[in-house]
N, C-alpha and C. Protein backbone atom coordinates (compact mmCIF):
# COMPACT_ATOMS: atom_id res chain seq x y z
N UNK A 1 -0.46 58.73 99.65
CA UNK A 1 0.14 59.98 100.13
C UNK A 1 1.08 60.57 99.08
N UNK A 2 1.83 59.71 98.37
CA UNK A 2 2.80 60.23 97.40
C UNK A 2 2.12 60.74 96.12
N UNK A 3 1.03 60.13 95.76
CA UNK A 3 0.38 60.52 94.51
C UNK A 3 -0.67 61.61 94.71
N UNK A 4 -1.06 61.91 95.95
CA UNK A 4 -2.13 62.88 96.21
C UNK A 4 -1.63 64.08 96.99
N UNK A 5 -0.45 64.58 96.71
CA UNK A 5 0.12 65.70 97.46
C UNK A 5 -0.74 66.96 97.35
N UNK A 6 -1.23 67.25 96.17
CA UNK A 6 -2.05 68.46 95.99
C UNK A 6 -3.31 68.40 96.86
N UNK A 7 -3.96 67.26 96.85
CA UNK A 7 -5.17 67.11 97.66
C UNK A 7 -4.85 67.24 99.15
N UNK A 8 -3.77 66.63 99.57
CA UNK A 8 -3.37 66.72 100.99
C UNK A 8 -3.03 68.17 101.33
N UNK A 9 -2.32 68.86 100.43
CA UNK A 9 -1.98 70.27 100.67
C UNK A 9 -3.24 71.12 100.84
N UNK A 10 -4.25 70.92 99.99
CA UNK A 10 -5.49 71.70 100.10
C UNK A 10 -6.21 71.40 101.43
N UNK A 11 -6.32 70.11 101.74
CA UNK A 11 -7.01 69.73 102.97
C UNK A 11 -6.28 70.29 104.19
N UNK A 12 -4.97 70.14 104.21
CA UNK A 12 -4.17 70.64 105.33
C UNK A 12 -4.27 72.16 105.44
N UNK A 13 -4.27 72.85 104.30
CA UNK A 13 -4.40 74.31 104.31
C UNK A 13 -5.74 74.73 104.91
N UNK A 14 -6.82 74.02 104.58
CA UNK A 14 -8.15 74.33 105.14
C UNK A 14 -8.18 74.11 106.64
N UNK A 15 -7.63 72.98 107.12
CA UNK A 15 -7.63 72.68 108.55
C UNK A 15 -6.80 73.70 109.30
N UNK A 16 -5.60 74.04 108.80
CA UNK A 16 -4.74 75.02 109.46
C UNK A 16 -5.38 76.41 109.47
N UNK A 17 -6.04 76.77 108.36
CA UNK A 17 -6.68 78.07 108.28
C UNK A 17 -7.80 78.19 109.32
N UNK A 18 -8.58 77.09 109.49
CA UNK A 18 -9.64 77.11 110.50
C UNK A 18 -9.04 77.27 111.91
N UNK A 19 -7.99 76.49 112.16
CA UNK A 19 -7.41 76.51 113.50
C UNK A 19 -6.74 77.84 113.81
N UNK A 20 -5.99 78.37 112.87
CA UNK A 20 -5.26 79.61 113.14
C UNK A 20 -6.11 80.85 112.94
N UNK A 21 -7.31 80.68 112.35
CA UNK A 21 -8.20 81.83 112.12
C UNK A 21 -8.62 82.48 113.42
N UNK A 22 -8.72 81.72 114.51
CA UNK A 22 -9.12 82.27 115.80
C UNK A 22 -8.07 83.21 116.36
N UNK A 23 -6.84 83.04 115.97
CA UNK A 23 -5.76 83.89 116.47
C UNK A 23 -5.48 85.07 115.54
N UNK A 24 -6.22 85.11 114.41
CA UNK A 24 -6.03 86.21 113.45
C UNK A 24 -4.94 85.92 112.42
N UNK A 25 -4.55 84.68 112.29
CA UNK A 25 -3.53 84.30 111.29
C UNK A 25 -4.24 83.64 110.12
N UNK A 26 -3.91 84.09 108.93
CA UNK A 26 -4.51 83.51 107.73
C UNK A 26 -3.46 82.65 107.02
N UNK A 27 -3.73 81.35 106.80
CA UNK A 27 -2.83 80.43 106.10
C UNK A 27 -3.25 80.43 104.63
N UNK A 28 -2.37 80.88 103.76
CA UNK A 28 -2.71 80.95 102.34
C UNK A 28 -2.14 79.79 101.53
N UNK A 29 -1.07 79.23 102.01
CA UNK A 29 -0.47 78.16 101.23
C UNK A 29 0.26 77.20 102.14
N UNK A 30 0.07 75.87 101.83
CA UNK A 30 0.78 74.82 102.57
C UNK A 30 1.36 73.89 101.52
N UNK A 31 2.61 73.51 101.72
CA UNK A 31 3.24 72.60 100.77
C UNK A 31 4.02 71.54 101.54
N UNK A 32 3.73 70.28 101.20
CA UNK A 32 4.46 69.17 101.80
C UNK A 32 5.68 68.92 100.91
N UNK A 33 6.85 69.05 101.49
CA UNK A 33 8.06 68.90 100.70
C UNK A 33 8.53 67.47 100.64
N UNK A 34 8.45 66.74 101.70
CA UNK A 34 8.97 65.37 101.69
C UNK A 34 8.12 64.49 102.59
N UNK A 35 7.87 63.29 102.11
CA UNK A 35 7.17 62.28 102.90
C UNK A 35 8.12 61.10 103.00
N UNK A 36 8.42 60.71 104.19
CA UNK A 36 9.34 59.59 104.41
C UNK A 36 8.53 58.37 104.86
N UNK A 37 8.27 57.43 103.95
CA UNK A 37 7.54 56.23 104.36
C UNK A 37 8.46 55.30 105.15
N UNK A 38 7.88 54.37 105.89
CA UNK A 38 8.68 53.42 106.66
C UNK A 38 9.53 52.56 105.72
N UNK A 39 10.63 52.01 106.25
CA UNK A 39 11.54 51.20 105.41
C UNK A 39 10.84 50.03 104.71
N UNK A 40 9.91 49.38 105.38
CA UNK A 40 9.24 48.23 104.74
C UNK A 40 8.43 48.68 103.52
N UNK A 41 7.78 49.84 103.63
CA UNK A 41 7.01 50.34 102.50
C UNK A 41 7.96 50.79 101.39
N UNK A 42 9.07 51.43 101.75
CA UNK A 42 10.06 51.83 100.75
C UNK A 42 10.61 50.62 99.99
N UNK A 43 10.89 49.55 100.71
CA UNK A 43 11.39 48.32 100.07
C UNK A 43 10.36 47.75 99.10
N UNK A 44 9.11 47.71 99.55
CA UNK A 44 8.08 47.15 98.66
C UNK A 44 7.87 48.05 97.45
N UNK A 45 7.98 49.39 97.64
CA UNK A 45 7.85 50.30 96.50
C UNK A 45 9.00 50.11 95.52
N UNK A 46 10.20 49.94 96.02
CA UNK A 46 11.36 49.71 95.15
C UNK A 46 11.22 48.40 94.39
N UNK A 47 10.74 47.37 95.08
CA UNK A 47 10.52 46.08 94.41
C UNK A 47 9.48 46.21 93.31
N UNK A 48 8.42 46.95 93.61
CA UNK A 48 7.37 47.15 92.61
C UNK A 48 7.91 47.91 91.41
N UNK A 49 8.68 48.97 91.64
CA UNK A 49 9.25 49.73 90.53
C UNK A 49 10.24 48.88 89.73
N UNK A 50 11.06 48.08 90.41
CA UNK A 50 12.01 47.20 89.73
C UNK A 50 11.26 46.18 88.86
N UNK A 51 10.19 45.61 89.43
CA UNK A 51 9.40 44.64 88.67
C UNK A 51 8.77 45.29 87.44
N UNK A 52 8.30 46.52 87.60
CA UNK A 52 7.71 47.23 86.46
C UNK A 52 8.76 47.50 85.38
N UNK A 53 9.96 47.92 85.78
CA UNK A 53 11.04 48.15 84.81
C UNK A 53 11.43 46.84 84.11
N UNK A 54 11.52 45.76 84.88
CA UNK A 54 11.86 44.46 84.28
C UNK A 54 10.78 44.01 83.30
N UNK A 55 9.51 44.25 83.66
CA UNK A 55 8.41 43.88 82.78
C UNK A 55 8.49 44.66 81.46
N UNK A 56 8.71 45.97 81.57
CA UNK A 56 8.81 46.79 80.36
C UNK A 56 10.01 46.37 79.51
N UNK A 57 11.13 46.05 80.16
CA UNK A 57 12.31 45.61 79.42
C UNK A 57 12.03 44.29 78.70
N UNK A 58 11.34 43.37 79.37
CA UNK A 58 11.02 42.08 78.75
C UNK A 58 10.08 42.29 77.55
N UNK A 59 9.13 43.19 77.70
CA UNK A 59 8.20 43.48 76.58
C UNK A 59 8.96 44.07 75.40
N UNK A 60 9.84 45.03 75.68
CA UNK A 60 10.61 45.66 74.61
C UNK A 60 11.52 44.64 73.92
N UNK A 61 12.13 43.76 74.70
CA UNK A 61 12.99 42.72 74.12
C UNK A 61 12.17 41.79 73.23
N UNK A 62 11.00 41.38 73.72
CA UNK A 62 10.15 40.48 72.93
C UNK A 62 9.69 41.16 71.64
N UNK A 63 9.34 42.45 71.73
CA UNK A 63 8.93 43.17 70.53
C UNK A 63 10.09 43.30 69.55
N UNK A 64 11.29 43.51 70.07
CA UNK A 64 12.47 43.58 69.20
C UNK A 64 12.72 42.27 68.48
N UNK A 65 12.61 41.17 69.22
CA UNK A 65 12.80 39.84 68.61
C UNK A 65 11.73 39.60 67.56
N UNK A 66 10.49 39.98 67.88
CA UNK A 66 9.38 39.80 66.94
C UNK A 66 9.64 40.59 65.65
N UNK A 67 10.03 41.85 65.78
CA UNK A 67 10.30 42.68 64.60
C UNK A 67 11.46 42.10 63.80
N UNK A 68 12.47 41.62 64.50
CA UNK A 68 13.61 41.02 63.81
C UNK A 68 13.19 39.81 63.00
N UNK A 69 12.38 38.95 63.58
CA UNK A 69 11.92 37.75 62.87
C UNK A 69 11.02 38.13 61.70
N UNK A 70 10.17 39.14 61.88
CA UNK A 70 9.30 39.57 60.80
C UNK A 70 10.13 40.11 59.63
N UNK A 71 11.11 40.96 59.94
CA UNK A 71 11.94 41.53 58.88
C UNK A 71 12.77 40.46 58.18
N UNK A 72 13.27 39.49 58.96
CA UNK A 72 14.03 38.39 58.35
C UNK A 72 13.15 37.58 57.42
N UNK A 73 11.93 37.28 57.86
CA UNK A 73 11.00 36.50 57.03
C UNK A 73 10.63 37.28 55.76
N UNK A 74 10.40 38.59 55.89
CA UNK A 74 10.08 39.39 54.72
C UNK A 74 11.26 39.43 53.75
N UNK A 75 12.46 39.53 54.29
CA UNK A 75 13.66 39.51 53.44
C UNK A 75 13.80 38.18 52.71
N UNK A 76 13.57 37.08 53.43
CA UNK A 76 13.63 35.75 52.79
C UNK A 76 12.57 35.64 51.71
N UNK A 77 11.37 36.15 51.98
CA UNK A 77 10.28 36.09 51.01
C UNK A 77 10.65 36.87 49.75
N UNK A 78 11.13 38.09 49.92
CA UNK A 78 11.50 38.90 48.77
C UNK A 78 12.64 38.27 47.99
N UNK A 79 13.58 37.68 48.71
CA UNK A 79 14.69 37.00 48.06
C UNK A 79 14.20 35.83 47.21
N UNK A 80 13.30 35.03 47.76
CA UNK A 80 12.76 33.88 47.03
C UNK A 80 11.97 34.34 45.81
N UNK A 81 11.18 35.42 45.96
CA UNK A 81 10.39 35.92 44.84
C UNK A 81 11.31 36.41 43.72
N UNK A 82 12.34 37.17 44.10
CA UNK A 82 13.27 37.68 43.09
C UNK A 82 14.05 36.56 42.41
N UNK A 83 14.45 35.56 43.20
CA UNK A 83 15.17 34.42 42.64
C UNK A 83 14.28 33.66 41.65
N UNK A 84 13.01 33.44 42.04
CA UNK A 84 12.08 32.74 41.16
C UNK A 84 11.82 33.55 39.88
N UNK A 85 11.70 34.85 40.03
CA UNK A 85 11.48 35.70 38.86
C UNK A 85 12.70 35.65 37.93
N UNK A 86 13.89 35.67 38.49
CA UNK A 86 15.11 35.55 37.68
C UNK A 86 15.18 34.22 36.97
N UNK A 87 14.84 33.12 37.67
CA UNK A 87 14.83 31.80 37.03
C UNK A 87 13.81 31.75 35.90
N UNK A 88 12.64 32.33 36.13
CA UNK A 88 11.60 32.34 35.10
C UNK A 88 12.08 33.09 33.87
N UNK A 89 12.66 34.25 34.06
CA UNK A 89 13.14 35.04 32.93
C UNK A 89 14.26 34.31 32.19
N UNK A 90 15.13 33.63 32.94
CA UNK A 90 16.22 32.87 32.31
C UNK A 90 15.66 31.74 31.46
N UNK A 91 14.65 31.04 31.97
CA UNK A 91 14.04 29.95 31.20
C UNK A 91 13.35 30.47 29.95
N UNK A 92 12.67 31.60 30.09
CA UNK A 92 12.00 32.20 28.93
C UNK A 92 13.02 32.56 27.86
N UNK A 93 14.11 33.21 28.28
CA UNK A 93 15.14 33.60 27.31
C UNK A 93 15.80 32.39 26.68
N UNK A 94 16.04 31.33 27.46
CA UNK A 94 16.62 30.10 26.90
C UNK A 94 15.68 29.47 25.89
N UNK A 95 14.39 29.40 26.25
CA UNK A 95 13.41 28.81 25.33
C UNK A 95 13.29 29.64 24.05
N UNK A 96 13.30 30.96 24.19
CA UNK A 96 13.23 31.81 23.00
C UNK A 96 14.46 31.62 22.12
N UNK A 97 15.63 31.48 22.74
CA UNK A 97 16.86 31.24 21.98
C UNK A 97 16.82 29.91 21.25
N UNK A 98 16.34 28.86 21.93
CA UNK A 98 16.23 27.55 21.29
C UNK A 98 15.22 27.59 20.16
N UNK A 99 14.10 28.27 20.36
CA UNK A 99 13.08 28.37 19.30
C UNK A 99 13.65 29.10 18.09
N UNK A 100 14.41 30.15 18.32
CA UNK A 100 15.00 30.90 17.21
C UNK A 100 16.01 30.03 16.46
N UNK A 101 16.80 29.26 17.20
CA UNK A 101 17.78 28.37 16.56
C UNK A 101 17.06 27.32 15.71
N UNK A 102 15.99 26.75 16.23
CA UNK A 102 15.23 25.73 15.47
C UNK A 102 14.62 26.35 14.22
N UNK A 103 14.06 27.56 14.36
CA UNK A 103 13.48 28.22 13.19
C UNK A 103 14.54 28.51 12.13
N UNK A 104 15.72 28.95 12.60
CA UNK A 104 16.80 29.25 11.67
C UNK A 104 17.23 28.00 10.90
N UNK A 105 17.39 26.88 11.61
CA UNK A 105 17.78 25.62 10.96
C UNK A 105 16.66 25.17 10.02
N UNK A 106 15.42 25.27 10.47
CA UNK A 106 14.28 24.85 9.66
C UNK A 106 14.22 25.65 8.35
N UNK A 107 14.36 26.97 8.46
CA UNK A 107 14.33 27.82 7.26
C UNK A 107 15.51 27.54 6.35
N UNK A 108 16.68 27.31 6.94
CA UNK A 108 17.87 27.03 6.13
C UNK A 108 17.71 25.73 5.36
N UNK A 109 17.14 24.72 6.01
CA UNK A 109 16.94 23.43 5.34
C UNK A 109 15.94 23.59 4.20
N UNK A 110 14.84 24.29 4.47
CA UNK A 110 13.81 24.44 3.43
C UNK A 110 14.26 25.34 2.28
N UNK A 111 15.08 26.34 2.57
CA UNK A 111 15.57 27.21 1.50
C UNK A 111 16.58 26.47 0.62
N UNK A 112 17.35 25.57 1.23
CA UNK A 112 18.35 24.82 0.46
C UNK A 112 17.70 23.74 -0.40
N UNK A 113 16.50 23.32 -0.03
CA UNK A 113 15.76 22.28 -0.75
C UNK A 113 16.63 21.04 -0.97
N UNK A 114 17.03 20.36 0.13
CA UNK A 114 17.94 19.22 0.00
C UNK A 114 17.23 18.02 -0.63
N UNK A 115 18.03 17.18 -1.22
CA UNK A 115 17.48 15.96 -1.83
C UNK A 115 17.30 14.90 -0.75
N UNK A 116 16.61 13.83 -1.11
CA UNK A 116 16.37 12.73 -0.16
C UNK A 116 17.68 12.06 0.25
N UNK A 117 18.65 12.01 -0.63
CA UNK A 117 19.94 11.37 -0.33
C UNK A 117 20.69 12.15 0.76
N UNK A 118 20.65 13.47 0.67
CA UNK A 118 21.33 14.30 1.68
C UNK A 118 20.66 14.12 3.03
N UNK A 119 19.32 14.09 3.06
CA UNK A 119 18.59 13.91 4.31
C UNK A 119 18.88 12.54 4.92
N UNK A 120 18.96 11.49 4.07
CA UNK A 120 19.28 10.15 4.57
C UNK A 120 20.68 10.11 5.14
N UNK A 121 21.61 10.80 4.49
CA UNK A 121 22.99 10.84 4.99
C UNK A 121 23.04 11.54 6.35
N UNK A 122 22.34 12.66 6.50
CA UNK A 122 22.30 13.38 7.77
C UNK A 122 21.66 12.52 8.87
N UNK A 123 20.62 11.77 8.50
CA UNK A 123 19.96 10.89 9.46
C UNK A 123 20.93 9.84 9.96
N UNK A 124 21.72 9.25 9.06
CA UNK A 124 22.70 8.22 9.45
C UNK A 124 23.79 8.81 10.34
N UNK A 125 24.17 10.05 10.11
CA UNK A 125 25.19 10.68 10.95
C UNK A 125 24.64 10.99 12.35
N UNK A 126 23.34 11.26 12.45
CA UNK A 126 22.74 11.60 13.74
C UNK A 126 22.41 10.37 14.57
N UNK A 127 22.31 9.18 13.95
CA UNK A 127 21.94 7.97 14.69
C UNK A 127 22.86 7.66 15.87
N UNK A 128 24.18 7.71 15.74
CA UNK A 128 25.03 7.39 16.91
C UNK A 128 24.79 8.35 18.08
N UNK A 129 24.53 9.61 17.80
CA UNK A 129 24.27 10.57 18.89
C UNK A 129 22.93 10.26 19.57
N UNK A 130 21.93 9.86 18.77
CA UNK A 130 20.63 9.52 19.33
C UNK A 130 20.73 8.26 20.17
N UNK A 131 21.49 7.28 19.72
CA UNK A 131 21.62 5.99 20.40
C UNK A 131 22.51 6.07 21.62
N UNK A 132 23.20 7.16 21.83
CA UNK A 132 24.16 7.30 22.91
C UNK A 132 23.50 7.36 24.29
N UNK A 133 22.21 7.59 24.41
CA UNK A 133 21.53 7.71 25.70
C UNK A 133 21.54 6.41 26.48
N UNK A 134 21.59 6.49 27.83
CA UNK A 134 21.67 5.29 28.67
C UNK A 134 20.34 4.55 28.75
N UNK A 135 19.22 5.20 28.41
CA UNK A 135 17.91 4.55 28.49
C UNK A 135 17.55 3.82 27.21
N UNK A 136 18.38 3.95 26.19
CA UNK A 136 18.09 3.31 24.90
C UNK A 136 18.55 1.85 24.93
N UNK A 137 17.60 0.93 24.72
CA UNK A 137 17.94 -0.49 24.76
C UNK A 137 17.65 -1.17 23.43
N UNK A 138 16.57 -0.77 22.79
CA UNK A 138 16.18 -1.40 21.52
C UNK A 138 16.07 -0.32 20.48
N UNK A 139 16.64 -0.60 19.29
CA UNK A 139 16.59 0.36 18.20
C UNK A 139 16.01 -0.30 16.97
N UNK A 140 15.09 0.39 16.36
CA UNK A 140 14.55 -0.07 15.08
C UNK A 140 15.01 0.92 14.04
N UNK A 141 15.76 0.44 13.08
CA UNK A 141 16.30 1.33 12.06
C UNK A 141 15.55 1.08 10.77
N UNK A 142 14.84 2.08 10.29
CA UNK A 142 14.13 1.90 9.01
C UNK A 142 15.12 1.88 7.84
N UNK A 143 14.86 1.03 6.87
CA UNK A 143 15.77 0.98 5.71
C UNK A 143 14.97 1.16 4.44
């Protein structure tokens, strides 16, 4: 009855027009303004509407939580990618710096053309630093 007011209005207008047509009265328009259902039906309708609102609210809450988790995961992913990219670039720059330092020392040694005595002296000075490691147990020193 609540959802079909137009249909009820048309049907009622036709029935009234037939009935009043014998008296010379023409009914052109009928409009139902209010329908008062019984209290039990009103209660069940209110419960149904409340349940529908609660269902929609639960769906919206779940979708909000889902979107929040998705955005958090995407943020974590982007953060990890950027952190890894930064670490990679730092390692590359460190390796390039070490390679340049080794090349510089290598070229300096070869340009100076040191004698065997100077190289032996440098080797003896470097031995204590090499032997300083905790994993070193046996040393063979060439003479």
